[in-house]
Amino acid sequence: KNSVFAFIRMAKDPNDCLVIAANFTPVPREEYRVGVPRAAFYREILNTDAGIYGGGNVGNDGGVSSEPVKSHGRADSIVLTLPPLSMVILKPE
């Protein structure tokens, strides 16, 4: 409905994962909640809207902390700013 695709890429170590969210619309998605596998600070390790890629630098100021709010079948979640026509990748610390 929002033209957003989000998923979790798990590794063999259950504490190691990536959260990926892509916004396929030309408008930013503010306060977009995504369920995450565990409580942590999620560092933004890639933002395809970053200025170094010619983008507008819309993002999450380097990362976001999870909240104990249920979403997508998970006990914890993060609230993201999704840049237009871009993808962000976050990794828990």
C-alpha atoms as a PDB file:
ATOM      1  CA  LYS A   1       0.000   0.000   0.000  1.00  0.00           C
ATOM      2  CA  ASN A   2       2.852   2.413   0.846  1.00  0.00           C
ATOM      3  CA  SER A   3       5.201   0.985  -1.805  1.00  0.00           C
ATOM      4  CA  VAL A   4       7.702   0.090   0.925  1.00  0.00           C
ATOM      5  CA  PHE A   5       9.505  -3.257   1.025  1.00  0.00           C
ATOM      6  CA  ALA A   6      11.190  -4.147   4.326  1.00  0.00           C
ATOM      7  CA  PHE A   7      12.858  -7.350   5.425  1.00  0.00           C
ATOM      8  CA  ILE A   8      15.410  -8.798   7.844  1.00  0.00           C
ATOM      9  CA  ARG A   9      18.491 -10.621   6.558  1.00  0.00           C
ATOM     10  CA  MET A  10      19.567 -13.130   9.193  1.00  0.00           C
ATOM     11  CA  ALA A  11      23.048 -14.655   9.568  1.00  0.00           C
ATOM     12  CA  LYS A  12      24.056 -17.975  11.118  1.00  0.00           C
ATOM     13  CA  ASP A  13      24.557 -16.122  14.401  1.00  0.00           C
ATOM     14  CA  PRO A  14      21.004 -15.204  15.511  1.00  0.00           C
ATOM     15  CA  ASN A  15      22.295 -11.936  17.019  1.00  0.00           C
ATOM     16  CA  ASP A  16      23.698 -10.832  13.667  1.00  0.00           C
ATOM     17  CA  CYS A  17      21.269  -9.441  11.125  1.00  0.00           C
ATOM     18  CA  LEU A  18      20.528  -6.564   8.773  1.00  0.00           C
ATOM     19  CA  VAL A  19      17.270  -4.628   8.523  1.00  0.00           C
ATOM     20  CA  ILE A  20      16.622  -3.418   4.980  1.00  0.00           C
ATOM     21  CA  ALA A  21      13.857  -1.011   3.959  1.00  0.00           C
ATOM     22  CA  ALA A  22      13.251   0.385   0.481  1.00  0.00           C
ATOM     23  CA  ASN A  23      10.854   3.206  -0.401  1.00  0.00           C
ATOM     24  CA  PHE A  24       9.670   2.972  -4.016  1.00  0.00           C
ATOM     25  CA  THR A  25       7.818   6.295  -4.019  1.00  0.00           C
ATOM     26  CA  PRO A  26       9.073   9.824  -4.789  1.00  0.00           C
ATOM     27  CA  VAL A  27       8.019  11.071  -1.332  1.00  0.00           C
ATOM     28  CA  PRO A  28       9.785  10.437   2.000  1.00  0.00           C
ATOM     29  CA  ARG A  29       8.042   8.154   4.482  1.00  0.00           C
ATOM     30  CA  GLU A  30       8.302   9.740   7.930  1.00  0.00           C
ATOM     31  CA  GLU A  31       7.806   7.721  11.127  1.00  0.00           C
ATOM     32  CA  TYR A  32       7.645   4.366   9.331  1.00  0.00           C
ATOM     33  CA  ARG A  33       7.590   1.580  11.943  1.00  0.00           C
ATOM     34  CA  VAL A  34       9.368  -1.718  11.225  1.00  0.00           C
ATOM     35  CA  GLY A  35       9.519  -4.754  13.517  1.00  0.00           C
ATOM     36  CA  VAL A  36      13.029  -5.879  14.494  1.00  0.00           C
ATOM     37  CA  PRO A  37      14.367  -9.135  15.975  1.00  0.00           C
ATOM     38  CA  ARG A  38      15.798  -7.670  19.184  1.00  0.00           C
ATOM     39  CA  ALA A  39      16.158  -4.548  21.290  1.00  0.00           C
ATOM     40  CA  ALA A  40      19.249  -2.588  20.209  1.00  0.00           C
ATOM     41  CA  PHE A  41      20.563   0.559  18.592  1.00  0.00           C
ATOM     42  CA  TYR A  42      20.324   0.060  14.820  1.00  0.00           C
ATOM     43  CA  ARG A  43      23.148   1.868  13.019  1.00  0.00           C
ATOM     44  CA  GLU A  44      22.377   3.036   9.491  1.00  0.00           C
ATOM     45  CA  ILE A  45      25.219   1.460   7.494  1.00  0.00           C
ATOM     46  CA  LEU A  46      23.901   2.375   4.030  1.00  0.00           C
ATOM     47  CA  ASN A  47      21.536   5.064   2.827  1.00  0.00           C
ATOM     48  CA  THR A  48      21.278   5.329  -0.955  1.00  0.00           C
ATOM     49  CA  ASP A  49      19.945   8.893  -0.568  1.00  0.00           C
ATOM     50  CA  ALA A  50      23.239  10.065   0.971  1.00  0.00           C
ATOM     51  CA  GLY A  51      24.899  13.091  -0.575  1.00  0.00           C
ATOM     52  CA  ILE A  52      27.919  11.054  -1.661  1.00  0.00           C
ATOM     53  CA  TYR A  53      25.570   9.197  -4.038  1.00  0.00           C
ATOM     54  CA  GLY A  54      23.971  12.407  -5.296  1.00  0.00           C
ATOM     55  CA  GLY A  55      20.971  12.180  -2.966  1.00  0.00           C
ATOM     56  CA  GLY A  56      19.260  14.639  -0.675  1.00  0.00           C
ATOM     57  CA  ASN A  57      20.630  13.312   2.654  1.00  0.00           C
ATOM     58  CA  VAL A  58      17.205  12.306   3.986  1.00  0.00           C
ATOM     59  CA  GLY A  59      17.739   9.642   6.631  1.00  0.00           C
ATOM     60  CA  ASN A  60      18.015   8.626  10.246  1.00  0.00           C
ATOM     61  CA  ASP A  61      20.962  10.649  11.578  1.00  0.00           C
ATOM     62  CA  GLY A  62      23.177   7.578  11.669  1.00  0.00           C
ATOM     63  CA  GLY A  63      20.731   5.216  13.345  1.00  0.00           C
ATOM     64  CA  VAL A  64      17.768   4.648  15.641  1.00  0.00           C
ATOM     65  CA  SER A  65      17.081   2.884  18.934  1.00  0.00           C
ATOM     66  CA  SER A  66      14.443   0.190  19.094  1.00  0.00           C
ATOM     67  CA  GLU A  67      11.332   0.557  21.209  1.00  0.00           C
ATOM     68  CA  PRO A  68       9.322  -2.149  23.017  1.00  0.00           C
ATOM     69  CA  VAL A  69       6.419  -1.626  20.607  1.00  0.00           C
ATOM     70  CA  LYS A  70       5.028  -4.644  18.756  1.00  0.00           C
ATOM     71  CA  SER A  71       5.108  -4.496  14.967  1.00  0.00           C
ATOM     72  CA  HIS A  72       5.147  -7.068  12.165  1.00  0.00           C
ATOM     73  CA  GLY A  73       4.896  -9.934  14.663  1.00  0.00           C
ATOM     74  CA  ARG A  74       7.938  -8.769  16.630  1.00  0.00           C
ATOM     75  CA  ALA A  75       8.112  -7.524  20.231  1.00  0.00           C
ATOM     76  CA  ASP A  76      10.418  -4.614  19.353  1.00  0.00           C
ATOM     77  CA  SER A  77      10.412  -2.126  16.507  1.00  0.00           C
ATOM     78  CA  ILE A  78      12.194   0.910  15.088  1.00  0.00           C
ATOM     79  CA  VAL A  79      10.758   4.084  13.602  1.00  0.00           C
ATOM     80  CA  LEU A  80      12.486   5.142  10.393  1.00  0.00           C
ATOM     81  CA  THR A  81      12.575   8.021   7.985  1.00  0.00           C
ATOM     82  CA  LEU A  82      12.633   6.402   4.563  1.00  0.00           C
ATOM     83  CA  PRO A  83      14.093   8.641   1.852  1.00  0.00           C
ATOM     84  CA  PRO A  84      12.274   8.865  -1.479  1.00  0.00           C
ATOM     85  CA  LEU A  85      13.222   6.298  -4.137  1.00  0.00           C
ATOM     86  CA  SER A  86      15.928   4.933  -1.847  1.00  0.00           C
ATOM     87  CA  MET A  87      16.973   2.123   0.453  1.00  0.00           C
ATOM     88  CA  VAL A  88      18.414   2.075   3.965  1.00  0.00           C
ATOM     89  CA  ILE A  89      20.272  -0.787   5.619  1.00  0.00           C
ATOM     90  CA  LEU A  90      20.650  -0.919   9.398  1.00  0.00           C
ATOM     91  CA  LYS A  91      22.655  -3.220  11.652  1.00  0.00           C
ATOM     92  CA  PRO A  92      22.043  -3.745  15.389  1.00  0.00           C
ATOM     93  CA  GLU A  93      24.900  -2.938  17.759  1.00  0.00           C
END
